[in-house]
PDB file of N, CA and C in Angstrom:
ATOM      1  N   MET A   1       0.773  -1.137   0.038  1.00  0.00           N
ATOM      2  CA  MET A   1      -0.004   0.043  -0.018  1.00  0.00           C
ATOM      3  C   MET A   1       0.787   1.196   0.011  1.00  0.00           C
ATOM      4  N   SER A   2       0.559   2.171  -0.837  1.00  0.00           N
ATOM      5  CA  SER A   2       1.384   3.328  -0.974  1.00  0.00           C
ATOM      6  C   SER A   2       1.157   4.303   0.328  1.00  0.00           C
ATOM      7  N   ALA A   3       2.116   5.156   0.544  1.00  0.00           N
ATOM      8  CA  ALA A   3       2.124   6.044   1.607  1.00  0.00           C
ATOM      9  C   ALA A   3       0.983   6.943   1.541  1.00  0.00           C
ATOM     10  N   SER A   4       0.620   7.363   0.308  1.00  0.00           N
ATOM     11  CA  SER A   4      -0.625   8.202   0.213  1.00  0.00           C
ATOM     12  C   SER A   4      -1.790   7.568   0.513  1.00  0.00           C
ATOM     13  N   ARG A   5      -1.967   6.311   0.104  1.00  0.00           N
ATOM     14  CA  ARG A   5      -3.165   5.540   0.552  1.00  0.00           C
ATOM     15  C   ARG A   5      -3.200   5.325   2.057  1.00  0.00           C
ATOM     16  N   VAL A   6      -2.079   5.145   2.657  1.00  0.00           N
ATOM     17  CA  VAL A   6      -2.074   4.970   4.105  1.00  0.00           C
ATOM     18  C   VAL A   6      -2.478   6.265   4.848  1.00  0.00           C
ATOM     19  N   LEU A   7      -2.005   7.371   4.369  1.00  0.00           N
ATOM     20  CA  LEU A   7      -2.403   8.680   4.960  1.00  0.00           C
ATOM     21  C   LEU A   7      -3.807   8.951   4.687  1.00  0.00           C
ATOM     22  N   ARG A   8      -4.315   8.599   3.612  1.00  0.00           N
ATOM     23  CA  ARG A   8      -5.734   8.806   3.332  1.00  0.00           C
ATOM     24  C   ARG A   8      -6.617   8.024   4.229  1.00  0.00           C
ATOM     25  N   ARG A   9      -6.237   6.795   4.513  1.00  0.00           N
ATOM     26  CA  ARG A   9      -6.972   5.824   5.404  1.00  0.00           C
ATOM     27  C   ARG A   9      -6.936   6.335   6.788  1.00  0.00           C
ATOM     28  N   LEU A  10      -5.732   6.872   7.182  1.00  0.00           N
ATOM     29  CA  LEU A  10      -5.481   7.289   8.542  1.00  0.00           C
ATOM     30  C   LEU A  10      -6.583   8.511   8.894  1.00  0.00           C
ATOM     31  N   GLY A  11      -6.809   9.225   7.866  1.00  0.00           N
ATOM     32  CA  GLY A  11      -7.793  10.331   8.047  1.00  0.00           C
ATOM     33  C   GLY A  11      -9.174  10.025   8.322  1.00  0.00           C
ATOM     34  N   ARG A  12      -9.456   8.730   8.284  1.00  0.00           N
ATOM     35  CA  ARG A  12     -10.875   8.408   8.385  1.00  0.00           C
ATOM     36  C   ARG A  12     -11.398   8.180   9.813  1.00  0.00           C
ATOM     37  N   SER A  13     -10.803   7.274  10.556  1.00  0.00           N
ATOM     38  CA  SER A  13     -11.242   6.899  11.917  1.00  0.00           C
ATOM     39  C   SER A  13     -10.272   6.052  12.673  1.00  0.00           C
ATOM     40  N   PRO A  14     -10.486   5.939  13.970  1.00  0.00           N
ATOM     41  CA  PRO A  14      -9.635   5.066  14.807  1.00  0.00           C
ATOM     42  C   PRO A  14      -9.665   3.614  14.242  1.00  0.00           C
ATOM     43  N   LYS A  15     -10.918   3.208  13.755  1.00  0.00           N
ATOM     44  CA  LYS A  15     -11.081   1.877  13.175  1.00  0.00           C
ATOM     45  C   LYS A  15     -10.218   1.689  11.961  1.00  0.00           C
ATOM     46  N   ALA A  16     -10.305   2.720  11.019  1.00  0.00           N
ATOM     47  CA  ALA A  16      -9.401   2.676   9.887  1.00  0.00           C
ATOM     48  C   ALA A  16      -7.958   2.510  10.255  1.00  0.00           C
ATOM     49  N   LEU A  17      -7.568   3.236  11.224  1.00  0.00           N
ATOM     50  CA  LEU A  17      -6.171   3.257  11.741  1.00  0.00           C
ATOM     51  C   LEU A  17      -5.866   1.854  12.275  1.00  0.00           C
ATOM     52  N   ALA A  18      -6.705   1.190  12.972  1.00  0.00           N
ATOM     53  CA  ALA A  18      -6.588  -0.074  13.614  1.00  0.00           C
ATOM     54  C   ALA A  18      -6.506  -1.173  12.438  1.00  0.00           C
ATOM     55  N   ASP A  19      -7.225  -0.877  11.368  1.00  0.00           N
ATOM     56  CA  ASP A  19      -7.186  -1.834  10.108  1.00  0.00           C
ATOM     57  C   ASP A  19      -5.816  -1.919   9.594  1.00  0.00           C
ATOM     58  N   LEU A  20      -4.952  -0.931   9.737  1.00  0.00           N
ATOM     59  CA  LEU A  20      -3.667  -0.787   9.106  1.00  0.00           C
ATOM     60  C   LEU A  20      -2.621  -1.629   9.977  1.00  0.00           C
ATOM     61  N   ALA A  21      -3.004  -1.968  11.267  1.00  0.00           N
ATOM     62  CA  ALA A  21      -2.127  -2.667  12.078  1.00  0.00           C
ATOM     63  C   ALA A  21      -2.028  -4.135  11.672  1.00  0.00           C
ATOM     64  N   HIS A  22      -0.910  -4.672  11.527  1.00  0.00           N
ATOM     65  CA  HIS A  22      -0.693  -6.120  11.285  1.00  0.00           C
ATOM     66  C   HIS A  22       0.792  -6.548  11.732  1.00  0.00           C
ATOM     67  N   GLY A  23       1.084  -7.786  11.595  1.00  0.00           N
ATOM     68  CA  GLY A  23       2.291  -8.187  12.092  1.00  0.00           C
ATOM     69  C   GLY A  23       2.247  -8.666  13.496  1.00  0.00           C
ATOM     70  N   THR A  24       3.145  -8.092  14.412  1.00  0.00           N
ATOM     71  CA  THR A  24       3.385  -8.630  15.600  1.00  0.00           C
ATOM     72  C   THR A  24       2.519  -7.986  16.711  1.00  0.00           C
ATOM     73  N   ILE A  25       1.481  -7.255  16.327  1.00  0.00           N
ATOM     74  CA  ILE A  25       0.626  -6.543  17.449  1.00  0.00           C
ATOM     75  C   ILE A  25      -0.125  -7.624  18.166  1.00  0.00           C
ATOM     76  N   ASP A  26      -0.046  -7.599  19.491  1.00  0.00           N
ATOM     77  CA  ASP A  26      -0.715  -8.533  20.191  1.00  0.00           C
ATOM     78  C   ASP A  26      -2.241  -8.232  20.522  1.00  0.00           C
ATOM     79  N   ALA A  27      -2.657  -6.978  20.465  1.00  0.00           N
ATOM     80  CA  ALA A  27      -3.984  -6.530  20.749  1.00  0.00           C
ATOM     81  C   ALA A  27      -4.916  -6.990  19.603  1.00  0.00           C
ATOM     82  N   SER A  28      -6.129  -7.274  20.019  1.00  0.00           N
ATOM     83  CA  SER A  28      -7.135  -7.589  19.022  1.00  0.00           C
ATOM     84  C   SER A  28      -7.512  -6.235  18.301  1.00  0.00           C
ATOM     85  N   HIS A  29      -8.113  -6.391  17.073  1.00  0.00           N
ATOM     86  CA  HIS A  29      -8.490  -5.288  16.298  1.00  0.00           C
ATOM     87  C   HIS A  29      -9.427  -4.313  17.115  1.00  0.00           C
ATOM     88  N   SER A  30     -10.363  -4.913  17.724  1.00  0.00           N
ATOM     89  CA  SER A  30     -11.366  -4.077  18.431  1.00  0.00           C
ATOM     90  C   SER A  30     -10.716  -3.370  19.680  1.00  0.00           C
ATOM     91  N   THR A  31      -9.805  -4.001  20.315  1.00  0.00           N
ATOM     92  CA  THR A  31      -8.979  -3.482  21.428  1.00  0.00           C
ATOM     93  C   THR A  31      -8.156  -2.208  20.911  1.00  0.00           C
ATOM     94  N   LEU A  32      -7.432  -2.496  19.731  1.00  0.00           N
ATOM     95  CA  LEU A  32      -6.602  -1.498  19.214  1.00  0.00           C
ATOM     96  C   LEU A  32      -7.442  -0.234  18.839  1.00  0.00           C
ATOM     97  N   ALA A  33      -8.533  -0.493  18.197  1.00  0.00           N
ATOM     98  CA  ALA A  33      -9.529   0.601  17.856  1.00  0.00           C
ATOM     99  C   ALA A  33     -10.034   1.374  18.966  1.00  0.00           C
ATOM    100  N   GLU A  34     -10.330   0.698  20.018  1.00  0.00           N
ATOM    101  CA  GLU A  34     -10.759   1.296  21.331  1.00  0.00           C
ATOM    102  C   GLU A  34      -9.665   2.208  21.900  1.00  0.00           C
ATOM    103  N   ALA A  35      -8.388   1.589  21.870  1.00  0.00           N
ATOM    104  CA  ALA A  35      -7.338   2.334  22.416  1.00  0.00           C
ATOM    105  C   ALA A  35      -7.002   3.532  21.628  1.00  0.00           C
ATOM    106  N   LEU A  36      -7.174   3.596  20.407  1.00  0.00           N
ATOM    107  CA  LEU A  36      -6.930   4.715  19.531  1.00  0.00           C
ATOM    108  C   LEU A  36      -7.980   5.828  19.579  1.00  0.00           C
ATOM    109  N   THR A  37      -9.217   5.481  19.920  1.00  0.00           N
ATOM    110  CA  THR A  37     -10.328   6.437  20.052  1.00  0.00           C
ATOM    111  C   THR A  37      -9.958   7.466  21.079  1.00  0.00           C
ATOM    112  N   GLY A  38     -10.000   8.712  20.740  1.00  0.00           N
ATOM    113  CA  GLY A  38      -9.731   9.825  21.529  1.00  0.00           C
ATOM    114  C   GLY A  38      -8.252  10.302  21.506  1.00  0.00           C
ATOM    115  N   ARG A  39      -7.449   9.567  20.929  1.00  0.00           N
ATOM    116  CA  ARG A  39      -6.019   9.916  20.865  1.00  0.00           C
ATOM    117  C   ARG A  39      -5.738  10.404  19.375  1.00  0.00           C
ATOM    118  N   PHE A  40      -6.513   9.940  18.486  1.00  0.00           N
ATOM    119  CA  PHE A  40      -6.218  10.378  17.104  1.00  0.00           C
ATOM    120  C   PHE A  40      -7.444  11.291  16.690  1.00  0.00           C
ATOM    121  N   GLU A  41      -7.208  12.589  16.987  1.00  0.00           N
ATOM    122  CA  GLU A  41      -8.325  13.516  16.949  1.00  0.00           C
ATOM    123  C   GLU A  41      -8.478  13.999  15.439  1.00  0.00           C
ATOM    124  N   GLU A  42      -9.549  14.938  15.312  1.00  0.00           N
ATOM    125  CA  GLU A  42      -9.916  15.450  14.039  1.00  0.00           C
ATOM    126  C   GLU A  42      -8.758  16.250  13.377  1.00  0.00           C
ATOM    127  N   HIS A  43      -8.068  16.932  14.079  1.00  0.00           N
ATOM    128  CA  HIS A  43      -6.829  17.791  13.422  1.00  0.00           C
ATOM    129  C   HIS A  43      -5.823  16.787  12.897  1.00  0.00           C
ATOM    130  N   HIS A  44      -5.642  15.644  13.628  1.00  0.00           N
ATOM    131  CA  HIS A  44      -4.731  14.515  13.090  1.00  0.00           C
ATOM    132  C   HIS A  44      -5.210  14.029  11.742  1.00  0.00           C
ATOM    133  N   ALA A  45      -6.530  13.759  11.686  1.00  0.00           N
ATOM    134  CA  ALA A  45      -7.176  13.212  10.546  1.00  0.00           C
ATOM    135  C   ALA A  45      -7.001  14.226   9.286  1.00  0.00           C
ATOM    136  N   PHE A  46      -7.291  15.519   9.643  1.00  0.00           N
ATOM    137  CA  PHE A  46      -7.229  16.587   8.692  1.00  0.00           C
ATOM    138  C   PHE A  46      -5.855  16.631   8.080  1.00  0.00           C
ATOM    139  N   MET A  47      -4.813  16.613   8.936  1.00  0.00           N
ATOM    140  CA  MET A  47      -3.427  16.700   8.435  1.00  0.00           C
ATOM    141  C   MET A  47      -3.197  15.505   7.406  1.00  0.00           C
ATOM    142  N   CYS A  48      -3.584  14.292   7.878  1.00  0.00           N
ATOM    143  CA  CYS A  48      -3.382  13.119   7.094  1.00  0.00           C
ATOM    144  C   CYS A  48      -4.143  13.091   5.785  1.00  0.00           C
ATOM    145  N   ARG A  49      -5.298  13.696   5.824  1.00  0.00           N
ATOM    146  CA  ARG A  49      -6.022  13.940   4.457  1.00  0.00           C
ATOM    147  C   ARG A  49      -5.350  14.874   3.532  1.00  0.00           C
ATOM    148  N   MET A  50      -4.696  15.900   4.175  1.00  0.00           N
ATOM    149  CA  MET A  50      -4.088  16.996   3.400  1.00  0.00           C
ATOM    150  C   MET A  50      -2.634  16.636   2.935  1.00  0.00           C
ATOM    151  N   LEU A  51      -1.960  15.797   3.483  1.00  0.00           N
ATOM    152  CA  LEU A  51      -0.644  15.605   3.064  1.00  0.00           C
ATOM    153  C   LEU A  51      -0.514  14.944   1.708  1.00  0.00           C
ATOM    154  N   PRO A  52      -1.249  13.976   1.379  1.00  0.00           N
ATOM    155  CA  PRO A  52      -1.088  13.400   0.007  1.00  0.00           C
ATOM    156  C   PRO A  52      -1.350  14.441  -1.106  1.00  0.00           C
ATOM    157  N   ASP A  53      -2.297  15.331  -0.831  1.00  0.00           N
ATOM    158  CA  ASP A  53      -2.566  16.367  -1.886  1.00  0.00           C
ATOM    159  C   ASP A  53      -1.457  17.316  -1.981  1.00  0.00           C
ATOM    160  N   THR A  54      -0.772  17.579  -0.864  1.00  0.00           N
ATOM    161  CA  THR A  54       0.388  18.490  -0.876  1.00  0.00           C
ATOM    162  C   THR A  54       1.509  17.850  -1.647  1.00  0.00           C
ATOM    163  N   VAL A  55       1.708  16.490  -1.395  1.00  0.00           N
ATOM    164  CA  VAL A  55       2.753  15.781  -2.148  1.00  0.00           C
ATOM    165  C   VAL A  55       2.450  15.731  -3.602  1.00  0.00           C
ATOM    166  N   ASP A  56       1.263  15.442  -3.996  1.00  0.00           N
ATOM    167  CA  ASP A  56       0.852  15.425  -5.387  1.00  0.00           C
ATOM    168  C   ASP A  56       1.177  16.797  -6.108  1.00  0.00           C
ATOM    169  N   HIS A  57       0.764  17.792  -5.288  1.00  0.00           N
ATOM    170  CA  HIS A  57       0.995  19.224  -5.929  1.00  0.00           C
ATOM    171  C   HIS A  57       2.388  19.435  -6.171  1.00  0.00           C
ATOM    172  N   LEU A  58       3.331  19.207  -5.172  1.00  0.00           N
ATOM    173  CA  LEU A  58       4.720  19.363  -5.334  1.00  0.00           C
ATOM    174  C   LEU A  58       5.361  18.522  -6.253  1.00  0.00           C
ATOM    175  N   THR A  59       4.868  17.287  -6.494  1.00  0.00           N
ATOM    176  CA  THR A  59       5.342  16.421  -7.458  1.00  0.00           C
ATOM    177  C   THR A  59       5.075  16.930  -8.929  1.00  0.00           C
ATOM    178  N   ALA A  60       3.866  17.434  -9.079  1.00  0.00           N
ATOM    179  CA  ALA A  60       3.453  18.123 -10.380  1.00  0.00           C
ATOM    180  C   ALA A  60       4.296  19.397 -10.628  1.00  0.00           C
ATOM    181  N   ARG A  61       4.515  20.138  -9.627  1.00  0.00           N
ATOM    182  CA  ARG A  61       5.291  21.388  -9.805  1.00  0.00           C
ATOM    183  C   ARG A  61       6.791  21.049 -10.035  1.00  0.00           C
ATOM    184  N   THR A  62       7.345  20.081  -9.450  1.00  0.00           N
ATOM    185  CA  THR A  62       8.601  19.582  -9.754  1.00  0.00           C
ATOM    186  C   THR A  62       8.809  19.037 -11.211  1.00  0.00           C
ATOM    187  N   ALA A  63       7.769  18.351 -11.700  1.00  0.00           N
ATOM    188  CA  ALA A  63       7.796  17.990 -13.135  1.00  0.00           C
ATOM    189  C   ALA A  63       7.787  19.202 -14.172  1.00  0.00           C
ATOM    190  N   GLY A  64       6.964  20.214 -13.717  1.00  0.00           N
ATOM    191  CA  GLY A  64       6.989  21.282 -14.511  1.00  0.00           C
ATOM    192  C   GLY A  64       8.250  22.062 -14.661  1.00  0.00           C
ATOM    193  N   VAL A  65       8.938  22.253 -13.471  1.00  0.00           N
ATOM    194  CA  VAL A  65      10.175  22.889 -13.355  1.00  0.00           C
ATOM    195  C   VAL A  65      11.346  22.081 -14.204  1.00  0.00           C
ATOM    196  N   THR A  66      11.092  20.706 -14.097  1.00  0.00           N
ATOM    197  CA  THR A  66      12.069  19.852 -14.840  1.00  0.00           C
ATOM    198  C   THR A  66      11.846  20.043 -16.372  1.00  0.00           C
ATOM    199  N   ALA A  67      10.621  20.088 -16.718  1.00  0.00           N
ATOM    200  CA  ALA A  67      10.340  20.199 -18.204  1.00  0.00           C
ATOM    201  C   ALA A  67      10.835  21.623 -18.673  1.00  0.00           C
ATOM    202  N   ALA A  68      10.571  22.542 -17.910  1.00  0.00           N
ATOM    203  CA  ALA A  68      11.007  23.940 -18.293  1.00  0.00           C
ATOM    204  C   ALA A  68      12.578  24.041 -18.403  1.00  0.00           C
ATOM    205  N   THR A  69      13.244  23.411 -17.466  1.00  0.00           N
ATOM    206  CA  THR A  69      14.700  23.408 -17.465  1.00  0.00           C
ATOM    207  C   THR A  69      15.336  22.635 -18.639  1.00  0.00           C
ATOM    208  N   ARG A  70      14.676  21.463 -18.922  1.00  0.00           N
ATOM    209  CA  ARG A  70      15.091  20.701 -19.988  1.00  0.00           C
ATOM    210  C   ARG A  70      14.939  21.413 -21.358  1.00  0.00           C
ATOM    211  N   CYS A  71      13.786  22.139 -21.511  1.00  0.00           N
ATOM    212  CA  CYS A  71      13.513  22.955 -22.725  1.00  0.00           C
ATOM    213  C   CYS A  71      14.618  24.076 -22.781  1.00  0.00           C
ATOM    214  N   SER A  72      14.828  24.816 -21.742  1.00  0.00           N
ATOM    215  CA  SER A  72      15.825  25.851 -21.788  1.00  0.00           C
ATOM    216  C   SER A  72      17.231  25.308 -22.118  1.00  0.00           C
ATOM    217  N   VAL A  73      17.598  24.186 -21.577  1.00  0.00           N
ATOM    218  CA  VAL A  73      18.977  23.666 -21.828  1.00  0.00           C
ATOM    219  C   VAL A  73      19.005  23.258 -23.367  1.00  0.00           C
ATOM    220  N   GLU A  74      17.916  22.726 -23.873  1.00  0.00           N
ATOM    221  CA  GLU A  74      17.913  22.258 -25.250  1.00  0.00           C
ATOM    222  C   GLU A  74      18.072  23.495 -26.170  1.00  0.00           C
ATOM    223  N   GLN A  75      17.344  24.534 -25.826  1.00  0.00           N
ATOM    224  CA  GLN A  75      17.443  25.820 -26.633  1.00  0.00           C
ATOM    225  C   GLN A  75      18.752  26.449 -26.600  1.00  0.00           C
ATOM    226  N   SER A  76      19.473  26.335 -25.347  1.00  0.00           N
ATOM    227  CA  SER A  76      20.812  26.906 -25.252  1.00  0.00           C
ATOM    228  C   SER A  76      21.931  26.018 -26.027  1.00  0.00           C
ATOM    229  N   ALA A  77      21.610  24.886 -26.109  1.00  0.00           N
ATOM    230  CA  ALA A  77      22.573  23.835 -26.818  1.00  0.00           C
ATOM    231  C   ALA A  77      22.995  24.337 -28.264  1.00  0.00           C
ATOM    232  N   SER A  78      21.930  24.744 -28.993  1.00  0.00           N
ATOM    233  CA  SER A  78      22.216  25.117 -30.365  1.00  0.00           C
ATOM    234  C   SER A  78      23.244  26.142 -30.480  1.00  0.00           C
ATOM    235  N   PRO A  79      23.130  27.354 -29.943  1.00  0.00           N
ATOM    236  CA  PRO A  79      24.178  28.377 -30.004  1.00  0.00           C
ATOM    237  C   PRO A  79      25.493  28.014 -29.621  1.00  0.00           C
ATOM    238  N   LEU A  80      25.445  27.117 -28.476  1.00  0.00           N
ATOM    239  CA  LEU A  80      26.824  26.536 -27.949  1.00  0.00           C
ATOM    240  C   LEU A  80      27.432  25.605 -29.030  1.00  0.00           C
ATOM    241  N   GLN A  81      26.719  24.823 -29.662  1.00  0.00           N
ATOM    242  CA  GLN A  81      27.198  23.899 -30.523  1.00  0.00           C
ATOM    243  C   GLN A  81      27.818  24.680 -31.792  1.00  0.00           C
ATOM    244  N   ARG A  82      27.278  25.751 -32.071  1.00  0.00           N
ATOM    245  CA  ARG A  82      27.874  26.551 -33.221  1.00  0.00           C
ATOM    246  C   ARG A  82      29.249  27.211 -32.838  1.00  0.00           C
ATOM    247  N   LEU A  83      29.344  27.550 -31.547  1.00  0.00           N
ATOM    248  CA  LEU A  83      30.585  28.152 -31.094  1.00  0.00           C
ATOM    249  C   LEU A  83      31.664  27.114 -30.834  1.00  0.00           C
ATOM    250  N   VAL A  84      31.438  25.990 -30.477  1.00  0.00           N
ATOM    251  CA  VAL A  84      32.385  24.949 -30.227  1.00  0.00           C
ATOM    252  C   VAL A  84      32.419  24.042 -31.467  1.00  0.00           C
ATOM    253  N   PRO A  85      33.666  24.075 -32.119  1.00  0.00           N
ATOM    254  CA  PRO A  85      33.686  23.235 -33.380  1.00  0.00           C
ATOM    255  C   PRO A  85      33.544  21.669 -32.979  1.00  0.00           C
ATOM    256  N   SER A  86      33.002  20.984 -33.803  1.00  0.00           N
ATOM    257  CA  SER A  86      32.865  19.584 -33.750  1.00  0.00           C
ATOM    258  C   SER A  86      34.308  18.882 -33.920  1.00  0.00           C
ATOM    259  N   ARG A  87      34.430  17.715 -33.138  1.00  0.00           N
ATOM    260  CA  ARG A  87      35.721  17.051 -33.315  1.00  0.00           C
ATOM    261  C   ARG A  87      35.585  15.972 -34.358  1.00  0.00           C
ATOM    262  N   ARG A  88      34.489  15.942 -34.913  1.00  0.00           N
ATOM    263  CA  ARG A  88      34.308  14.933 -36.082  1.00  0.00           C
ATOM    264  C   ARG A  88      34.909  15.371 -37.226  1.00  0.00           C
ATOM    265  N   ALA A  89      35.658  14.546 -37.902  1.00  0.00           N
ATOM    266  CA  ALA A  89      36.330  15.059 -39.184  1.00  0.00           C
ATOM    267  C   ALA A  89      36.750  13.837 -40.025  1.00  0.00           C
TER     268      ALA A  89
END
C-alpha cells in the first residue's frame, strides 16, 4: 500500500487506523481501535488527508520545473554547438 493511501486511510477513523495494524501486534482489532479512540483527533485526520494532496501538488510542480529546465537547456545547446567546433572529421 502506498504512503498516500495509508495517509488517506488514517484520516478516516480510529477503526481505519486499527485496520492498518498487522504483524506482531498482540492486541485484537477491537482493542486497538478502542485504544486509538480519543487519541487520534480530528486535526490529526485533517493533516493526514491534506498531506497526500500536498505531495501530489509538489510532484506536479517539480515535473513542470524539470520540463522547463530541459527545454531551456535544449534551446541553449544550439548556439553553444555553433561556437564549439565539432571534433568529427
